[in-house]
N, C-alpha and C. Protein backbone atom coordinates (compact mmCIF):
# COMPACT_ATOMS: atom_id res chain seq x y z
N UNK A 1 0.84 -1.20 0.03
CA UNK A 1 -0.03 0.00 0.06
C UNK A 1 0.86 1.25 -0.02
N UNK A 2 0.55 2.25 -0.88
CA UNK A 2 1.33 3.47 -0.99
C UNK A 2 1.03 4.43 0.10
N UNK A 3 1.82 5.49 0.13
CA UNK A 3 1.65 6.57 1.16
C UNK A 3 0.52 7.47 0.65
N UNK A 4 -0.31 7.86 1.61
CA UNK A 4 -1.32 8.82 1.25
C UNK A 4 -0.66 10.27 1.22
N UNK A 5 -1.35 11.25 0.80
CA UNK A 5 -0.82 12.54 0.66
C UNK A 5 -0.54 13.04 2.10
N UNK A 6 -1.43 12.65 3.07
CA UNK A 6 -1.23 13.15 4.42
C UNK A 6 0.05 12.49 4.98
N UNK A 7 0.19 11.22 4.75
CA UNK A 7 1.49 10.48 5.15
C UNK A 7 2.72 11.13 4.60
N UNK A 8 2.65 11.53 3.29
CA UNK A 8 3.76 12.13 2.60
C UNK A 8 4.10 13.50 3.31
N UNK A 9 2.97 14.29 3.58
CA UNK A 9 3.25 15.55 4.19
C UNK A 9 3.81 15.42 5.62
N UNK A 10 3.34 14.40 6.35
CA UNK A 10 3.90 14.20 7.69
C UNK A 10 5.26 13.74 7.71
N UNK A 11 5.63 12.82 6.79
CA UNK A 11 7.00 12.42 6.56
C UNK A 11 7.94 13.49 6.19
N UNK A 12 7.46 14.45 5.31
CA UNK A 12 8.24 15.49 4.83
C UNK A 12 8.46 16.52 6.05
N UNK A 13 7.38 16.70 6.85
CA UNK A 13 7.57 17.62 8.03
C UNK A 13 8.53 17.06 9.08
N UNK A 14 8.50 15.84 9.26
CA UNK A 14 9.45 15.11 10.26
C UNK A 14 10.82 15.20 9.76
N UNK A 15 11.01 14.96 8.44
CA UNK A 15 12.34 14.95 7.89
C UNK A 15 12.92 16.37 7.92
N UNK A 16 12.13 17.40 7.54
CA UNK A 16 12.61 18.76 7.50
C UNK A 16 12.85 19.32 8.86
N UNK A 17 12.02 18.88 9.87
CA UNK A 17 12.10 19.37 11.21
C UNK A 17 13.24 18.84 12.04
N UNK A 18 13.81 17.71 11.68
CA UNK A 18 14.78 17.18 12.55
C UNK A 18 16.17 17.78 12.32
N UNK A 19 17.08 17.68 13.30
CA UNK A 19 18.40 18.32 13.27
C UNK A 19 19.43 17.25 13.18
N UNK A 20 20.46 17.40 12.41
CA UNK A 20 21.57 16.44 12.30
C UNK A 20 22.86 17.16 12.49
N UNK A 21 23.65 16.75 13.43
CA UNK A 21 24.92 17.40 13.78
C UNK A 21 25.81 17.42 12.51
N UNK A 22 26.41 18.60 12.16
CA UNK A 22 27.24 18.74 11.03
C UNK A 22 26.58 18.76 9.67
N UNK A 23 25.18 18.85 9.71
CA UNK A 23 24.46 18.87 8.41
C UNK A 23 24.93 20.00 7.56
N UNK A 24 24.91 19.73 6.32
CA UNK A 24 25.14 20.73 5.23
C UNK A 24 24.36 20.45 4.00
N UNK A 25 24.35 21.47 3.06
CA UNK A 25 23.65 21.14 1.80
C UNK A 25 24.39 20.07 1.04
N UNK A 26 23.72 19.05 0.71
CA UNK A 26 24.38 17.86 0.08
C UNK A 26 24.16 17.90 -1.49
N UNK A 27 23.16 18.65 -1.96
CA UNK A 27 22.88 18.77 -3.36
C UNK A 27 22.79 20.17 -3.84
N UNK A 28 23.31 20.44 -5.02
CA UNK A 28 23.31 21.79 -5.57
C UNK A 28 21.88 22.16 -5.88
N UNK A 29 21.59 23.49 -5.99
CA UNK A 29 20.29 23.92 -6.37
C UNK A 29 19.83 23.46 -7.75
N UNK A 30 20.84 23.46 -8.72
CA UNK A 30 20.59 22.96 -10.03
C UNK A 30 20.03 21.55 -10.00
N UNK A 31 20.60 20.68 -9.20
CA UNK A 31 20.14 19.27 -9.08
C UNK A 31 18.76 19.28 -8.53
N UNK A 32 18.47 20.07 -7.41
CA UNK A 32 17.12 20.05 -6.79
C UNK A 32 16.14 20.69 -7.71
N UNK A 33 16.49 21.72 -8.50
CA UNK A 33 15.48 22.32 -9.54
C UNK A 33 15.23 21.39 -10.59
N UNK A 34 16.20 20.63 -11.08
CA UNK A 34 16.00 19.62 -12.09
C UNK A 34 15.02 18.51 -11.64
N UNK A 35 15.14 18.11 -10.35
CA UNK A 35 14.26 17.15 -9.73
C UNK A 35 12.81 17.73 -9.64
N UNK A 36 12.72 18.96 -9.33
CA UNK A 36 11.39 19.61 -9.20
C UNK A 36 10.65 19.71 -10.55
N UNK A 37 11.37 20.05 -11.59
CA UNK A 37 10.68 20.21 -12.85
C UNK A 37 10.70 18.92 -13.68
N UNK A 38 11.31 17.90 -13.24
CA UNK A 38 11.24 16.67 -13.87
C UNK A 38 12.34 16.40 -14.97
N UNK A 39 13.12 17.47 -15.14
CA UNK A 39 14.13 17.35 -16.22
C UNK A 39 15.33 16.51 -15.84
N UNK A 40 15.57 16.22 -14.58
CA UNK A 40 16.60 15.45 -14.17
C UNK A 40 16.31 14.71 -12.89
N UNK A 41 15.85 13.41 -12.99
CA UNK A 41 15.55 12.64 -11.83
C UNK A 41 16.67 12.43 -10.88
N UNK A 42 16.49 12.33 -9.56
CA UNK A 42 17.57 12.09 -8.66
C UNK A 42 18.04 10.70 -8.70
N UNK A 43 19.32 10.48 -8.65
CA UNK A 43 19.85 9.19 -8.65
C UNK A 43 19.69 8.53 -7.23
N UNK A 44 19.88 7.29 -7.12
CA UNK A 44 19.67 6.62 -5.81
C UNK A 44 20.57 7.30 -4.67
N UNK A 45 21.76 7.60 -5.00
CA UNK A 45 22.65 8.20 -4.04
C UNK A 45 22.22 9.59 -3.69
N UNK A 46 21.66 10.39 -4.67
CA UNK A 46 21.14 11.72 -4.48
C UNK A 46 19.94 11.60 -3.52
N UNK A 47 19.08 10.69 -3.80
CA UNK A 47 17.83 10.47 -2.89
C UNK A 47 18.34 10.18 -1.54
N UNK A 48 19.33 9.29 -1.34
CA UNK A 48 19.79 9.03 0.04
C UNK A 48 20.36 10.25 0.66
N UNK A 49 21.10 11.09 -0.03
CA UNK A 49 21.62 12.24 0.49
C UNK A 49 20.54 13.26 0.89
N UNK A 50 19.48 13.33 0.11
CA UNK A 50 18.39 14.22 0.44
C UNK A 50 17.73 13.73 1.68
N UNK A 51 17.46 12.38 1.85
CA UNK A 51 16.88 11.87 2.99
C UNK A 51 17.69 12.02 4.30
N UNK A 52 19.03 11.96 4.13
CA UNK A 52 19.92 12.02 5.28
C UNK A 52 20.22 13.49 5.68
N UNK A 53 19.83 14.42 4.93
CA UNK A 53 20.20 15.85 5.19
C UNK A 53 18.89 16.69 5.35
N UNK A 54 18.46 17.01 6.54
CA UNK A 54 17.31 17.86 6.73
C UNK A 54 17.50 19.24 6.15
N UNK A 55 18.77 19.75 6.17
CA UNK A 55 19.06 20.96 5.58
C UNK A 55 18.74 21.00 4.11
N UNK A 56 19.18 19.93 3.41
CA UNK A 56 18.92 19.82 1.99
C UNK A 56 17.45 19.75 1.68
N UNK A 57 16.72 18.99 2.49
CA UNK A 57 15.31 18.85 2.40
C UNK A 57 14.56 20.12 2.55
N UNK A 58 15.05 20.93 3.47
CA UNK A 58 14.46 22.30 3.71
C UNK A 58 14.76 23.14 2.52
N UNK A 59 15.88 23.05 1.94
CA UNK A 59 16.20 23.89 0.73
C UNK A 59 15.35 23.45 -0.44
N UNK A 60 15.13 22.12 -0.52
CA UNK A 60 14.25 21.60 -1.65
C UNK A 60 12.90 22.26 -1.46
N UNK A 61 12.38 22.36 -0.25
CA UNK A 61 11.04 22.88 -0.01
C UNK A 61 10.94 24.38 -0.44
N UNK A 62 12.13 25.10 -0.05
CA UNK A 62 12.18 26.54 -0.38
C UNK A 62 12.17 26.79 -1.89
N UNK A 63 12.92 25.97 -2.58
CA UNK A 63 12.96 26.06 -4.05
C UNK A 63 11.63 25.76 -4.61
N UNK A 64 10.94 24.68 -4.03
CA UNK A 64 9.63 24.27 -4.55
C UNK A 64 8.57 25.44 -4.29
N UNK A 65 8.59 26.14 -3.16
CA UNK A 65 7.73 27.23 -2.90
C UNK A 65 8.06 28.37 -3.83
N UNK A 66 9.25 28.68 -4.13
CA UNK A 66 9.65 29.72 -4.99
C UNK A 66 9.13 29.40 -6.43
N UNK A 67 9.27 28.27 -6.84
CA UNK A 67 8.89 27.73 -8.19
C UNK A 67 7.41 27.82 -8.27
N UNK A 68 6.67 27.54 -7.25
CA UNK A 68 5.15 27.56 -7.30
C UNK A 68 4.75 28.98 -7.34
N UNK A 69 5.43 29.89 -6.57
CA UNK A 69 5.00 31.33 -6.66
C UNK A 69 5.25 31.83 -8.00
N UNK A 70 6.39 31.46 -8.72
CA UNK A 70 6.64 32.04 -10.03
C UNK A 70 5.70 31.55 -10.98
N UNK A 71 5.18 30.25 -10.87
CA UNK A 71 4.23 29.70 -11.80
C UNK A 71 2.90 30.45 -11.51
N UNK A 72 2.50 30.74 -10.30
CA UNK A 72 1.27 31.48 -9.97
C UNK A 72 1.27 32.92 -10.66
N UNK A 73 2.46 33.54 -10.54
CA UNK A 73 2.63 34.84 -11.14
C UNK A 73 2.44 34.85 -12.66
N UNK A 74 2.95 33.76 -13.34
CA UNK A 74 2.81 33.63 -14.76
C UNK A 74 1.36 33.41 -15.12
N UNK A 75 0.70 32.58 -14.26
CA UNK A 75 -0.76 32.17 -14.55
C UNK A 75 -1.70 33.42 -14.44
N UNK A 76 -1.34 34.35 -13.59
CA UNK A 76 -2.09 35.49 -13.36
C UNK A 76 -1.33 36.78 -13.73
N UNK A 77 -1.00 37.12 -14.97
CA UNK A 77 -0.23 38.23 -15.21
C UNK A 77 -0.93 39.59 -14.80
N UNK A 78 -0.20 40.58 -14.64
CA UNK A 78 -0.83 41.86 -14.15
C UNK A 78 -2.06 42.15 -14.93
N UNK A 79 -3.17 42.30 -14.19
CA UNK A 79 -4.45 42.49 -14.81
C UNK A 79 -4.55 43.97 -15.25
N UNK A 80 -5.12 44.19 -16.42
CA UNK A 80 -5.37 45.48 -16.91
C UNK A 80 -6.84 45.84 -17.16
N UNK A 81 -7.69 44.86 -17.03
CA UNK A 81 -9.11 45.09 -17.17
C UNK A 81 -9.81 43.86 -17.81
N UNK A 82 -11.14 43.86 -17.68
CA UNK A 82 -11.96 42.78 -18.29
C UNK A 82 -13.17 43.49 -18.88
N UNK A 83 -13.64 42.91 -19.90
CA UNK A 83 -14.83 43.47 -20.59
C UNK A 83 -15.89 42.38 -20.81
N UNK A 84 -17.16 42.92 -20.88
CA UNK A 84 -18.25 41.95 -21.08
C UNK A 84 -19.40 42.73 -21.93
N UNK A 85 -20.34 41.93 -22.20
CA UNK A 85 -21.42 42.61 -22.98
C UNK A 85 -22.74 41.87 -22.60
N UNK A 86 -23.88 42.60 -22.90
CA UNK A 86 -25.21 42.00 -22.72
C UNK A 86 -25.30 40.78 -23.70
N UNK A 87 -25.92 39.74 -23.22
CA UNK A 87 -25.98 38.60 -23.99
C UNK A 87 -27.32 38.36 -24.87
N UNK A 88 -28.29 39.24 -24.44
CA UNK A 88 -29.50 39.21 -25.19
C UNK A 88 -30.08 40.63 -25.22
N UNK A 89 -31.06 40.84 -26.13
CA UNK A 89 -31.72 42.11 -26.25
C UNK A 89 -32.68 42.30 -25.10
N UNK A 90 -32.95 43.58 -24.73
CA UNK A 90 -33.85 43.89 -23.70
C UNK A 90 -35.30 43.39 -23.98
N UNK A 91 -35.79 42.43 -23.25
CA UNK A 91 -37.16 42.04 -23.50
C UNK A 91 -38.02 42.53 -22.37
N UNK A 92 -37.58 43.46 -21.68
CA UNK A 92 -38.46 44.10 -20.68
C UNK A 92 -38.50 43.32 -19.26
N UNK A 93 -37.86 42.13 -19.27
CA UNK A 93 -37.79 41.41 -18.00
C UNK A 93 -36.79 42.00 -17.06
N UNK A 94 -36.61 41.29 -15.94
CA UNK A 94 -35.70 41.68 -14.87
C UNK A 94 -34.32 41.66 -15.44
N UNK A 95 -33.47 42.56 -14.85
CA UNK A 95 -32.08 42.69 -15.27
C UNK A 95 -31.32 41.38 -14.91
N UNK A 96 -30.67 40.70 -15.78
CA UNK A 96 -29.83 39.52 -15.54
C UNK A 96 -28.44 39.97 -15.32
N UNK A 97 -27.74 39.25 -14.38
CA UNK A 97 -26.33 39.61 -14.15
C UNK A 97 -25.47 39.60 -15.28
N UNK A 98 -24.58 40.45 -15.47
CA UNK A 98 -23.60 40.51 -16.61
C UNK A 98 -22.30 39.82 -16.16
N UNK A 99 -21.74 39.17 -17.08
CA UNK A 99 -20.41 38.43 -16.72
C UNK A 99 -19.44 38.89 -17.78
N UNK A 100 -18.15 39.15 -17.33
CA UNK A 100 -17.15 39.51 -18.27
C UNK A 100 -16.73 38.31 -19.03
N UNK A 101 -16.17 38.56 -20.28
CA UNK A 101 -15.83 37.59 -21.19
C UNK A 101 -14.80 36.58 -20.58
N UNK A 102 -13.92 37.06 -19.70
CA UNK A 102 -12.97 36.14 -19.06
C UNK A 102 -13.55 35.36 -17.94
N UNK A 103 -14.79 35.60 -17.53
CA UNK A 103 -15.47 34.90 -16.41
C UNK A 103 -15.06 35.36 -15.11
N UNK A 104 -14.20 36.35 -15.02
CA UNK A 104 -13.60 36.80 -13.74
C UNK A 104 -14.67 37.58 -12.90
N UNK A 105 -15.54 38.34 -13.52
CA UNK A 105 -16.37 39.31 -12.82
C UNK A 105 -17.88 39.12 -13.23
N UNK A 106 -18.73 39.40 -12.20
CA UNK A 106 -20.22 39.26 -12.38
C UNK A 106 -20.76 40.60 -11.80
N UNK A 107 -21.62 41.21 -12.63
CA UNK A 107 -22.21 42.59 -12.28
C UNK A 107 -23.62 42.34 -12.07
N UNK A 108 -24.19 42.57 -10.81
CA UNK A 108 -25.63 42.52 -10.46
C UNK A 108 -26.13 43.88 -10.17
N UNK A 109 -27.42 44.10 -10.38
CA UNK A 109 -28.04 45.29 -9.84
C UNK A 109 -29.33 44.77 -9.03
N UNK A 110 -29.23 45.07 -7.73
CA UNK A 110 -30.32 44.55 -6.90
C UNK A 110 -30.86 45.69 -6.03
N UNK A 111 -32.19 45.94 -6.19
CA UNK A 111 -32.77 47.10 -5.47
C UNK A 111 -32.01 48.36 -5.48
N UNK A 112 -31.74 48.80 -6.71
CA UNK A 112 -30.97 50.09 -6.99
C UNK A 112 -29.61 50.08 -6.36
N UNK A 113 -29.01 48.82 -6.14
CA UNK A 113 -27.61 48.77 -5.72
C UNK A 113 -26.80 47.96 -6.79
N UNK A 114 -25.65 48.48 -7.25
CA UNK A 114 -24.74 47.82 -8.18
C UNK A 114 -23.77 46.94 -7.34
N UNK A 115 -23.68 45.66 -7.64
CA UNK A 115 -22.71 44.79 -6.95
C UNK A 115 -21.76 44.15 -7.93
N UNK A 116 -20.60 44.32 -7.83
CA UNK A 116 -19.52 43.64 -8.60
C UNK A 116 -18.88 42.53 -7.83
N UNK A 117 -18.83 41.34 -8.39
CA UNK A 117 -18.25 40.26 -7.75
C UNK A 117 -17.14 39.63 -8.49
N UNK A 118 -16.01 39.36 -7.81
CA UNK A 118 -14.86 38.62 -8.44
C UNK A 118 -15.06 37.17 -8.14
N UNK A 119 -14.93 36.34 -9.18
CA UNK A 119 -15.01 35.00 -9.03
C UNK A 119 -13.82 34.54 -8.24
N UNK A 120 -14.01 33.82 -7.10
CA UNK A 120 -12.88 33.42 -6.24
C UNK A 120 -12.02 32.33 -6.90
N UNK A 121 -12.51 31.63 -7.88
CA UNK A 121 -11.80 30.61 -8.57
C UNK A 121 -11.02 31.22 -9.80
N UNK A 122 -11.15 32.54 -10.02
CA UNK A 122 -10.43 33.11 -11.16
C UNK A 122 -8.90 33.18 -10.78
N UNK A 123 -8.03 33.18 -11.87
CA UNK A 123 -6.66 33.33 -11.63
C UNK A 123 -6.33 34.63 -11.13
N UNK A 124 -7.17 35.69 -11.34
CA UNK A 124 -6.93 37.10 -10.92
C UNK A 124 -7.18 37.18 -9.37
N UNK A 125 -8.02 36.39 -8.81
CA UNK A 125 -8.43 36.45 -7.40
C UNK A 125 -7.44 36.68 -6.43
N UNK A 126 -6.31 35.83 -6.35
CA UNK A 126 -5.26 36.06 -5.35
C UNK A 126 -4.60 37.35 -5.35
N UNK A 127 -4.30 37.82 -6.57
CA UNK A 127 -3.54 39.10 -6.59
C UNK A 127 -4.47 40.29 -6.25
N UNK A 128 -5.66 40.31 -6.84
CA UNK A 128 -6.59 41.38 -6.68
C UNK A 128 -7.10 41.55 -5.19
N UNK A 129 -7.40 40.29 -4.56
CA UNK A 129 -7.86 40.32 -3.21
C UNK A 129 -6.74 40.77 -2.29
N UNK A 130 -5.54 40.34 -2.43
CA UNK A 130 -4.42 40.79 -1.64
C UNK A 130 -4.21 42.28 -1.73
N UNK A 131 -4.37 42.78 -2.95
CA UNK A 131 -4.21 44.24 -3.19
C UNK A 131 -5.31 45.18 -2.77
N UNK A 132 -6.52 44.52 -2.45
CA UNK A 132 -7.75 45.34 -2.19
C UNK A 132 -7.90 46.32 -3.26
N UNK A 133 -7.85 45.95 -4.55
CA UNK A 133 -7.85 46.71 -5.80
C UNK A 133 -8.96 47.80 -5.79
N UNK A 134 -8.59 49.01 -6.20
CA UNK A 134 -9.49 50.03 -6.52
C UNK A 134 -9.98 49.84 -7.94
N UNK A 135 -11.30 49.75 -8.17
CA UNK A 135 -11.89 49.46 -9.47
C UNK A 135 -12.87 50.52 -10.00
N UNK A 136 -13.10 50.48 -11.33
CA UNK A 136 -14.08 51.33 -11.97
C UNK A 136 -14.76 50.38 -12.95
N UNK A 137 -16.07 50.41 -12.91
CA UNK A 137 -16.93 49.72 -13.83
C UNK A 137 -17.59 50.80 -14.78
N UNK A 138 -17.44 50.64 -16.00
CA UNK A 138 -18.06 51.64 -16.94
C UNK A 138 -18.92 50.99 -17.95
N UNK A 139 -19.79 51.68 -18.52
CA UNK A 139 -20.71 51.21 -19.55
C UNK A 139 -20.04 51.29 -20.91
N UNK A 140 -20.65 51.01 -22.01
CA UNK A 140 -20.07 51.02 -23.34
C UNK A 140 -19.73 52.43 -23.83
N UNK A 141 -20.37 53.36 -23.19
CA UNK A 141 -20.18 54.81 -23.56
C UNK A 141 -19.08 55.46 -22.63
N UNK A 142 -18.57 54.72 -21.72
CA UNK A 142 -17.52 55.30 -20.79
C UNK A 142 -18.11 55.91 -19.61
N UNK A 143 -19.39 55.86 -19.25
CA UNK A 143 -19.98 56.38 -18.10
C UNK A 143 -19.67 55.53 -16.91
N UNK A 144 -19.28 56.09 -15.75
CA UNK A 144 -18.95 55.28 -14.56
C UNK A 144 -20.23 54.66 -13.92
N UNK A 145 -20.31 53.33 -13.91
CA UNK A 145 -21.45 52.69 -13.23
C UNK A 145 -21.11 52.40 -11.74
N UNK A 146 -19.83 52.17 -11.43
CA UNK A 146 -19.48 51.90 -10.05
C UNK A 146 -17.99 52.17 -9.97
N UNK A 147 -17.63 52.74 -8.85
CA UNK A 147 -16.20 52.94 -8.54
C UNK A 147 -16.01 52.70 -7.05
N UNK A 148 -15.02 51.89 -6.71
CA UNK A 148 -14.83 51.57 -5.35
C UNK A 148 -13.70 50.55 -5.17
N UNK A 149 -13.40 50.12 -3.92
CA UNK A 149 -12.42 49.25 -3.55
C UNK A 149 -12.93 47.85 -3.42
N UNK A 150 -12.20 46.93 -3.95
CA UNK A 150 -12.61 45.46 -3.71
C UNK A 150 -12.40 45.11 -2.26
N UNK A 151 -13.50 44.50 -1.63
CA UNK A 151 -13.34 44.14 -0.22
C UNK A 151 -12.78 42.80 -0.09
N UNK A 152 -12.62 42.21 1.11
CA UNK A 152 -12.02 40.90 1.36
C UNK A 152 -12.87 39.80 0.77
N UNK A 153 -14.11 39.97 0.52
CA UNK A 153 -14.98 38.94 -0.14
C UNK A 153 -14.95 38.96 -1.57
N UNK A 154 -14.17 39.91 -2.17
CA UNK A 154 -14.19 40.03 -3.61
C UNK A 154 -15.29 40.79 -4.16
N UNK A 155 -15.91 41.67 -3.38
CA UNK A 155 -17.06 42.41 -3.89
C UNK A 155 -16.74 43.94 -3.75
N UNK A 156 -17.52 44.66 -4.60
CA UNK A 156 -17.56 46.11 -4.51
C UNK A 156 -18.94 46.52 -4.83
N UNK A 157 -19.48 47.43 -4.12
CA UNK A 157 -20.89 47.85 -4.38
C UNK A 157 -21.18 49.37 -4.15
N UNK A 158 -22.22 49.84 -4.78
CA UNK A 158 -22.66 51.17 -4.62
C UNK A 158 -24.03 51.44 -5.20
N UNK A 159 -24.52 52.62 -5.15
CA UNK A 159 -25.91 52.86 -5.64
C UNK A 159 -25.91 52.89 -7.17
N UNK A 160 -27.02 52.47 -7.73
CA UNK A 160 -27.18 52.57 -9.21
C UNK A 160 -27.24 54.05 -9.51
N UNK A 161 -26.37 54.60 -10.41
CA UNK A 161 -26.20 56.04 -10.63
C UNK A 161 -27.14 56.60 -11.70
N UNK A 162 -27.94 55.82 -12.42
CA UNK A 162 -28.67 56.36 -13.61
C UNK A 162 -30.23 56.28 -13.33
N UNK A 163 -30.82 57.09 -14.09
CA UNK A 163 -32.38 57.20 -13.97
C UNK A 163 -32.99 56.01 -14.70
N UNK A 164 -32.41 55.57 -15.85
CA UNK A 164 -32.88 54.43 -16.64
C UNK A 164 -32.73 53.09 -15.79
N UNK A 165 -33.57 52.19 -15.99
CA UNK A 165 -33.35 50.76 -15.46
C UNK A 165 -32.01 50.20 -15.98
N UNK A 166 -31.46 49.39 -15.33
CA UNK A 166 -30.16 48.86 -15.71
C UNK A 166 -30.16 48.27 -17.18
N UNK A 167 -31.06 47.32 -17.46
CA UNK A 167 -31.08 46.71 -18.79
C UNK A 167 -31.20 47.77 -19.83
N UNK A 168 -32.10 48.67 -19.75
CA UNK A 168 -32.33 49.77 -20.70
C UNK A 168 -31.07 50.67 -20.79
N UNK A 169 -30.45 51.00 -19.73
CA UNK A 169 -29.27 51.85 -19.70
C UNK A 169 -28.16 51.11 -20.53
N UNK A 170 -27.85 49.91 -20.19
CA UNK A 170 -26.75 49.24 -20.93
C UNK A 170 -27.13 49.12 -22.37
N UNK A 171 -28.34 48.76 -22.77
CA UNK A 171 -28.77 48.76 -24.19
C UNK A 171 -28.49 50.07 -24.91
N UNK A 172 -28.80 51.17 -24.22
CA UNK A 172 -28.64 52.48 -24.82
C UNK A 172 -27.19 52.89 -24.92
N UNK A 173 -26.27 52.23 -24.12
CA UNK A 173 -24.93 52.72 -24.02
C UNK A 173 -23.91 51.64 -24.46
N UNK A 174 -24.18 51.10 -25.62
CA UNK A 174 -23.29 50.15 -26.28
C UNK A 174 -23.37 48.70 -25.93
N UNK A 175 -24.31 48.35 -25.01
CA UNK A 175 -24.53 46.90 -24.61
C UNK A 175 -23.16 46.29 -24.12
N UNK A 176 -22.27 47.12 -23.59
CA UNK A 176 -21.01 46.56 -23.10
C UNK A 176 -20.73 47.18 -21.74
N UNK A 177 -19.81 46.50 -21.02
CA UNK A 177 -19.25 47.04 -19.80
C UNK A 177 -17.77 46.61 -19.63
N UNK A 178 -17.12 47.40 -18.85
CA UNK A 178 -15.70 47.08 -18.55
C UNK A 178 -15.46 47.18 -17.07
N UNK A 179 -14.56 46.41 -16.60
CA UNK A 179 -14.04 46.47 -15.16
C UNK A 179 -12.63 46.66 -15.32
N UNK A 180 -12.07 47.78 -14.66
CA UNK A 180 -10.65 48.09 -14.82
C UNK A 180 -10.04 48.62 -13.50
N UNK A 181 -8.80 48.42 -13.33
CA UNK A 181 -8.13 48.99 -12.09
C UNK A 181 -8.04 50.41 -12.24
N UNK A 182 -8.04 51.16 -11.14
CA UNK A 182 -7.79 52.60 -11.11
C UNK A 182 -6.78 52.90 -10.07
N UNK A 183 -6.20 54.08 -10.12
CA UNK A 183 -5.21 54.57 -9.11
C UNK A 183 -5.94 55.13 -7.87
N UNK A 184 -5.32 55.23 -6.81
CA UNK A 184 -5.84 55.80 -5.66
C UNK A 184 -6.11 57.20 -5.75
């Protein structure tokens, strides 16, 4: 029977937490990085050295975390804005939530309140939530629909600023909307 993920985490924690007198880095960063990306598997001797050296195991963990952070940064490049459009003509019914083309944002209007929600599963979410990003939502004609700071729940809200009902307003103003970062 193989080790479960929990068993592997516990074993790694025990290995990295122990101290060995005279311990030193047994493997070069290039060897450890090659093992992490799969370009160079560890030899049996290197695996034994890794297991015998908690310092080397901790270095492997640091390199792994740095690699993971770099991959996350590539997955969510600096966001410059998202755009969306109405999906159907105004049929006189209730206003349906609008979603940006990238799926990251949803715009609702409930009881004369505009609510912008960031999808927590979006690649943008970690960066934007951490930054408490200041945002501007505008219609297709460039009018500001909502401006404010993203809260810890990934939402921003404010009053509906126009006399027309939301569906009618968006139809009259290009049937589009954008969400973009703004400066303080």
